[in-house]
Amino acid sequence: MEQILRPIYQERASQESTLGVVLVEKREKVSPSTDTFDTILLIITKENETAVFTKHYTYDEKKAAMHIITEKQLKKWLLLGTNRKIVDWLFNGRIIYDRNEFMEKLITELKEYPFAGRKIKMGLEYAKLIRRYLEGKVLFEEKNYLDAYRHVIESLHHLARLSVLENGLPPEVTVWSQVKKIEPSIYKLYEELVLSDESIDKRLELLFLASEFLIHSRTADGAQHITEVMAKKRSWTIQELHEQEELRNYSSDLEVFIEYLVDKEIVFTEGVMTKSDRIFHRYYFVKAAK
């Protein structure tokens, strides 16, 4: 397939904005990691008219997909973890064009995982974990067990990804295979929730009891990024936090995360007088490290 696709990627490689080309071939008969295509051609560009541009090709009953992605979009996906197959493509694909070793450096950086990038990812995963866990708990208390089960499964996925990040690794598509090796206690929780013969309400009850410590013990690490950002100012309104460049990535999870950290006495609040005697603006702050 590479020989057939060569004219296509060579044309792209000749363009000045192209930073690298990666060829990914399917490893299984049915391959969700390549969206069931036989071959993926991943082309990274400095800039492009659209952030993601895709074309499909066929040849001798085989099919290939070409994805042209801007560097900015790629780095956003890698930061937010919203396109997990991209990591799989970068790790398992073959670099067939590399301008100034851009691809080589990117993949090395992903494998070595600089801690600053990891802190942001850990914060995002922890914020998602808290939202799903709290929503699941409310649904459980309301006896909406199937809805609670869905939220708890998602919260366990975020806990698993957080655990992988703590160990200095990027979460892969097969995150549970990673967790089974590095954090058996979390894997066991997941196994018991999914495979147990107990009734669903009993399974959820046991999981809430067992997972409380696992979540609470990760609060300091999960909150490190957001508290470091908040330490740059004396205090913040919620709107200022939403508009802060790095915190925008928390999106709709930001407020529930802030309130969780207030409850855990990691973030503090103060009232600032409004024009009304009985109403105060709510400001947020973190205490300076001693």
Protein backbone atom coordinates (compact mmCIF):
# COMPACT_ATOMS: atom_id res chain seq x y z
CA MET A 1 0.00 0.00 0.00
CA GLU A 2 2.88 2.36 0.72
CA GLN A 3 4.05 2.26 -2.91
CA ILE A 4 0.54 3.10 -4.11
CA LEU A 5 0.27 6.00 -1.64
CA ARG A 6 3.79 7.31 -2.30
CA PRO A 7 2.77 9.90 -4.95
CA ILE A 8 0.17 11.27 -2.52
CA TYR A 9 2.46 11.72 0.47
CA GLN A 10 5.43 12.83 -1.64
CA GLU A 11 3.31 15.66 -3.04
CA ARG A 12 2.47 16.72 0.54
CA ALA A 13 6.07 16.29 1.73
CA SER A 14 7.27 18.70 -0.93
CA GLN A 15 5.15 21.48 0.59
CA GLU A 16 7.02 23.78 2.97
CA SER A 17 4.36 23.64 5.69
CA THR A 18 4.51 19.82 6.02
CA LEU A 19 6.32 18.78 9.20
CA GLY A 20 6.02 15.01 9.05
CA VAL A 21 4.24 12.00 7.58
CA VAL A 22 3.44 8.79 9.48
CA LEU A 23 2.20 5.58 7.88
CA VAL A 24 0.03 3.33 10.07
CA GLU A 25 -1.05 -0.14 8.93
CA LYS A 26 -3.80 -2.16 10.57
CA ARG A 27 -2.63 -4.84 12.97
CA GLU A 28 -5.86 -6.87 13.27
CA LYS A 29 -8.39 -8.24 10.79
CA VAL A 30 -10.92 -5.70 12.04
CA SER A 31 -9.01 -2.66 13.28
CA PRO A 32 -10.93 0.02 15.21
CA SER A 33 -7.60 1.75 15.95
CA THR A 34 -7.32 2.59 12.22
CA ASP A 35 -11.08 3.16 11.88
CA THR A 36 -11.20 -0.22 10.01
CA PHE A 37 -8.95 1.14 7.22
CA ASP A 38 -6.00 -0.91 5.94
CA THR A 39 -3.70 2.09 6.02
CA ILE A 40 -3.67 5.51 7.66
CA LEU A 41 -1.55 8.33 6.28
CA LEU A 42 -1.10 10.92 9.03
CA ILE A 43 0.32 14.21 7.77
CA ILE A 44 1.23 16.99 10.22
CA THR A 45 1.45 20.54 8.89
CA LYS A 46 2.57 23.85 10.38
CA GLU A 47 -0.62 25.44 9.14
CA ASN A 48 -3.54 24.62 6.88
CA GLU A 49 -6.87 26.14 5.82
CA THR A 50 -8.68 23.63 8.03
CA ALA A 51 -7.38 22.11 11.29
CA VAL A 52 -8.34 18.60 10.13
CA PHE A 53 -8.63 17.58 6.47
CA THR A 54 -9.48 13.97 5.53
CA LYS A 55 -9.56 11.99 2.26
CA HIS A 56 -10.36 8.32 1.63
CA TYR A 57 -8.85 6.11 -1.09
CA THR A 58 -9.40 2.58 -2.40
CA TYR A 59 -7.04 0.21 -4.24
CA ASP A 60 -7.43 -3.52 -5.02
CA GLU A 61 -10.24 -3.94 -2.48
CA LYS A 62 -8.16 -2.16 0.16
CA LYS A 63 -8.90 1.24 1.66
CA ALA A 64 -6.75 4.03 3.01
CA ALA A 65 -7.45 7.27 4.88
CA MET A 66 -5.33 10.40 4.74
CA HIS A 67 -5.58 12.86 7.64
CA ILE A 68 -3.88 16.25 7.32
CA ILE A 69 -3.71 17.81 10.79
CA THR A 70 -2.20 21.10 11.91
CA GLU A 71 0.46 21.08 14.60
CA LYS A 72 -1.81 23.20 16.81
CA GLN A 73 -4.70 20.71 16.53
CA LEU A 74 -2.41 17.74 17.18
CA LYS A 75 -1.01 19.32 20.35
CA LYS A 76 -4.52 20.19 21.54
CA TRP A 77 -5.62 16.55 21.12
CA LEU A 78 -2.51 15.33 22.93
CA LEU A 79 -3.08 17.78 25.78
CA LEU A 80 -6.80 17.12 26.27
CA GLY A 81 -6.70 13.40 25.45
CA THR A 82 -9.82 13.78 23.27
CA ASN A 83 -8.47 11.75 20.33
CA ARG A 84 -6.80 8.70 21.88
CA LYS A 85 -6.12 6.86 18.62
CA ILE A 86 -3.65 9.63 17.68
CA VAL A 87 -1.23 8.42 20.39
CA ASP A 88 -1.60 4.88 19.04
CA TRP A 89 -0.81 6.10 15.50
CA LEU A 90 2.26 8.03 16.63
CA PHE A 91 3.63 5.13 18.70
CA ASN A 92 2.84 2.32 16.26
CA GLY A 93 3.15 4.09 12.93
CA ARG A 94 6.27 4.40 10.80
CA ILE A 95 7.75 7.83 10.08
CA ILE A 96 8.22 8.11 6.31
CA TYR A 97 8.96 11.84 6.17
CA ASP A 98 10.35 14.05 8.93
CA ARG A 99 11.28 17.72 8.45
CA ASN A 100 14.04 18.75 10.85
CA GLU A 101 13.30 15.67 13.03
CA PHE A 102 9.95 17.16 14.08
CA MET A 103 8.21 13.77 14.35
CA GLU A 104 11.15 12.08 16.07
CA LYS A 105 11.30 14.82 18.73
CA LEU A 106 7.53 14.79 19.24
CA ILE A 107 7.39 11.02 19.80
CA THR A 108 10.43 11.12 22.11
CA GLU A 109 8.74 13.91 24.09
CA LEU A 110 5.55 11.84 24.37
CA LYS A 111 7.48 8.84 25.66
CA GLU A 112 9.56 10.81 28.14
CA TYR A 113 6.56 12.93 29.16
CA PRO A 114 7.79 16.25 30.56
CA PHE A 115 6.20 16.81 33.98
CA ALA A 116 4.71 20.23 33.16
CA GLY A 117 2.53 18.66 30.45
CA ARG A 118 1.62 15.81 32.75
CA LYS A 119 0.38 18.16 35.49
CA ILE A 120 -2.15 19.75 33.14
CA LYS A 121 -3.37 16.35 31.92
CA MET A 122 -3.67 15.09 35.49
CA GLY A 123 -5.74 18.14 36.43
CA LEU A 124 -8.09 17.65 33.48
CA GLU A 125 -8.54 13.95 34.20
CA TYR A 126 -9.11 14.60 37.90
CA ALA A 127 -11.73 17.28 37.18
CA LYS A 128 -13.61 14.87 34.86
CA LEU A 129 -13.27 12.12 37.47
CA ILE A 130 -14.83 14.32 40.18
CA ARG A 131 -17.78 15.34 38.00
CA ARG A 132 -18.60 11.77 36.94
CA TYR A 133 -18.12 10.39 40.46
CA LEU A 134 -20.37 13.02 42.10
CA GLU A 135 -23.05 12.68 39.43
CA GLY A 136 -22.94 8.90 39.78
CA LYS A 137 -23.30 9.16 43.56
CA VAL A 138 -26.38 11.38 43.30
CA LEU A 139 -27.99 9.01 40.79
CA PHE A 140 -27.20 6.06 43.06
CA GLU A 141 -28.84 7.78 46.04
CA GLU A 142 -31.90 8.41 43.85
CA LYS A 143 -31.91 4.66 43.02
CA ASN A 144 -31.29 5.34 39.31
CA TYR A 145 -28.84 2.46 39.25
CA LEU A 146 -28.29 2.03 35.50
CA ASP A 147 -27.57 5.73 35.02
CA ALA A 148 -25.33 5.68 38.08
CA TYR A 149 -23.49 2.65 36.66
CA ARG A 150 -22.71 4.53 33.41
CA HIS A 151 -21.29 7.51 35.31
CA VAL A 152 -19.24 5.29 37.63
CA ILE A 153 -17.74 3.39 34.68
CA GLU A 154 -16.68 6.71 33.16
CA SER A 155 -15.26 7.92 36.49
CA LEU A 156 -13.20 4.70 36.73
CA HIS A 157 -11.83 5.32 33.23
CA HIS A 158 -10.69 8.79 34.32
CA LEU A 159 -9.18 7.29 37.49
CA ALA A 160 -7.34 4.74 35.35
CA ARG A 161 -5.98 7.40 33.01
CA LEU A 162 -4.94 9.51 36.00
CA SER A 163 -3.07 6.54 37.43
CA VAL A 164 -1.18 6.01 34.16
CA LEU A 165 -0.25 9.71 34.07
CA GLU A 166 1.02 9.53 37.66
CA ASN A 167 3.41 6.82 36.52
CA GLY A 168 4.83 9.11 33.82
CA LEU A 169 3.20 7.32 30.89
CA PRO A 170 0.74 8.55 28.27
CA PRO A 171 -2.65 6.73 28.51
CA GLU A 172 -3.07 4.53 25.45
CA VAL A 173 -6.21 3.16 23.77
CA THR A 174 -5.72 -0.04 25.83
CA VAL A 175 -5.59 1.86 29.13
CA TRP A 176 -6.87 -1.06 31.22
CA SER A 177 -3.97 -3.24 30.06
CA GLN A 178 -1.66 -0.50 31.36
CA VAL A 179 -3.53 -0.16 34.67
CA LYS A 180 -3.56 -3.92 35.30
CA LYS A 181 0.25 -3.80 35.43
CA ILE A 182 0.85 -0.53 37.28
CA GLU A 183 -2.20 -0.12 39.59
CA PRO A 184 -3.85 -3.51 40.27
CA SER A 185 -6.16 -2.07 42.96
CA ILE A 186 -7.92 0.17 40.41
CA TYR A 187 -8.09 -2.67 37.90
CA LYS A 188 -9.68 -4.86 40.60
CA LEU A 189 -12.36 -2.22 41.26
CA TYR A 190 -13.19 -2.09 37.56
CA GLU A 191 -13.28 -5.90 37.35
CA GLU A 192 -15.60 -6.17 40.34
CA LEU A 193 -17.98 -3.56 38.97
CA VAL A 194 -18.17 -5.16 35.52
CA LEU A 195 -17.89 -8.89 36.28
CA SER A 196 -19.35 -9.36 39.78
CA ASP A 197 -22.41 -11.59 40.26
CA GLU A 198 -23.81 -9.17 42.86
CA SER A 199 -26.86 -7.05 42.04
CA ILE A 200 -26.06 -3.71 40.38
CA ASP A 201 -27.02 -1.67 43.45
CA LYS A 202 -24.74 -3.81 45.66
CA ARG A 203 -21.87 -3.50 43.18
CA LEU A 204 -22.23 0.29 43.12
CA GLU A 205 -22.48 0.51 46.91
CA LEU A 206 -19.24 -1.45 47.34
CA LEU A 207 -17.49 0.59 44.68
CA PHE A 208 -18.39 3.93 46.28
CA LEU A 209 -17.00 2.68 49.58
CA ALA A 210 -13.79 1.33 48.03
CA SER A 211 -13.06 4.17 45.60
CA GLU A 212 -13.44 7.05 48.10
CA PHE A 213 -9.88 6.61 49.38
CA LEU A 214 -8.38 6.14 45.88
CA ILE A 215 -9.95 9.41 44.74
CA HIS A 216 -9.26 11.39 47.93
CA SER A 217 -5.59 10.32 48.04
CA ARG A 218 -5.05 11.81 44.58
CA THR A 219 -6.52 15.24 45.37
CA ALA A 220 -3.20 17.03 45.92
CA ASP A 221 -1.71 15.75 42.63
CA GLY A 222 -4.95 16.26 40.71
CA ALA A 223 -5.25 19.86 41.98
CA GLN A 224 -1.58 20.80 41.52
CA HIS A 225 -2.00 22.43 38.13
CA ILE A 226 -5.05 24.53 38.98
CA THR A 227 -3.64 25.67 42.34
CA GLU A 228 -0.34 26.69 40.71
CA VAL A 229 -2.28 28.80 38.20
CA MET A 230 -4.44 30.33 40.95
CA ALA A 231 -1.35 31.20 43.03
CA LYS A 232 -0.38 33.76 40.37
CA LYS A 233 -3.06 36.16 41.71
CA ARG A 234 -4.34 37.16 45.14
CA SER A 235 -7.92 36.09 44.33
CA TRP A 236 -10.17 35.27 41.36
CA THR A 237 -13.79 35.62 40.32
CA ILE A 238 -15.23 32.54 38.62
CA GLN A 239 -15.35 34.46 35.33
CA GLU A 240 -11.62 35.26 35.59
CA LEU A 241 -10.92 31.57 36.15
CA HIS A 242 -12.99 30.61 33.09
CA GLU A 243 -11.11 33.14 30.97
CA GLN A 244 -7.61 32.20 32.16
CA GLU A 245 -5.82 30.67 29.17
CA GLU A 246 -4.67 27.39 30.79
CA LEU A 247 -7.90 26.85 32.74
CA ARG A 248 -10.12 27.15 29.66
CA ASN A 249 -9.34 23.51 28.95
CA TYR A 250 -11.32 22.49 32.06
CA SER A 251 -14.42 23.78 30.29
CA SER A 252 -17.72 22.75 31.94
CA ASP A 253 -15.90 20.76 34.65
CA LEU A 254 -14.20 23.84 36.11
CA GLU A 255 -16.89 24.97 38.53
CA VAL A 256 -17.69 21.58 40.04
CA PHE A 257 -13.92 21.01 40.42
CA ILE A 258 -13.43 24.37 42.17
CA GLU A 259 -16.30 23.66 44.57
CA TYR A 260 -14.90 20.19 45.30
CA LEU A 261 -11.53 21.79 46.15
CA VAL A 262 -13.31 24.32 48.38
CA ASP A 263 -14.95 21.41 50.21
CA LYS A 264 -11.50 19.78 50.64
CA GLU A 265 -10.02 23.10 51.90
CA ILE A 266 -7.51 23.34 49.07
CA VAL A 267 -9.23 26.37 47.54
CA PHE A 268 -10.75 29.02 49.81
CA THR A 269 -13.45 31.65 49.35
CA GLU A 270 -13.94 35.20 50.49
CA GLY A 271 -16.90 37.55 50.20
CA VAL A 272 -16.51 40.97 48.59
CA MET A 273 -19.26 43.50 49.21
CA THR A 274 -21.75 44.27 46.42
CA LYS A 275 -24.11 47.24 46.26
CA SER A 276 -26.54 45.20 48.33
CA ASP A 277 -25.85 44.90 52.07
CA ARG A 278 -26.71 41.20 52.21
CA ILE A 279 -25.12 39.90 48.99
CA PHE A 280 -21.41 39.37 48.46
CA HIS A 281 -19.32 38.52 45.41
CA ARG A 282 -17.70 35.09 45.86
CA TYR A 283 -13.93 35.19 45.24
CA TYR A 284 -11.57 32.20 45.18
CA PHE A 285 -7.98 31.96 46.33
CA VAL A 286 -5.27 29.50 47.37
CA LYS A 287 -2.99 30.01 50.34
CA ALA A 288 0.62 30.81 49.61
CA ALA A 289 3.02 27.92 50.16
CA LYS A 290 5.07 28.27 53.33
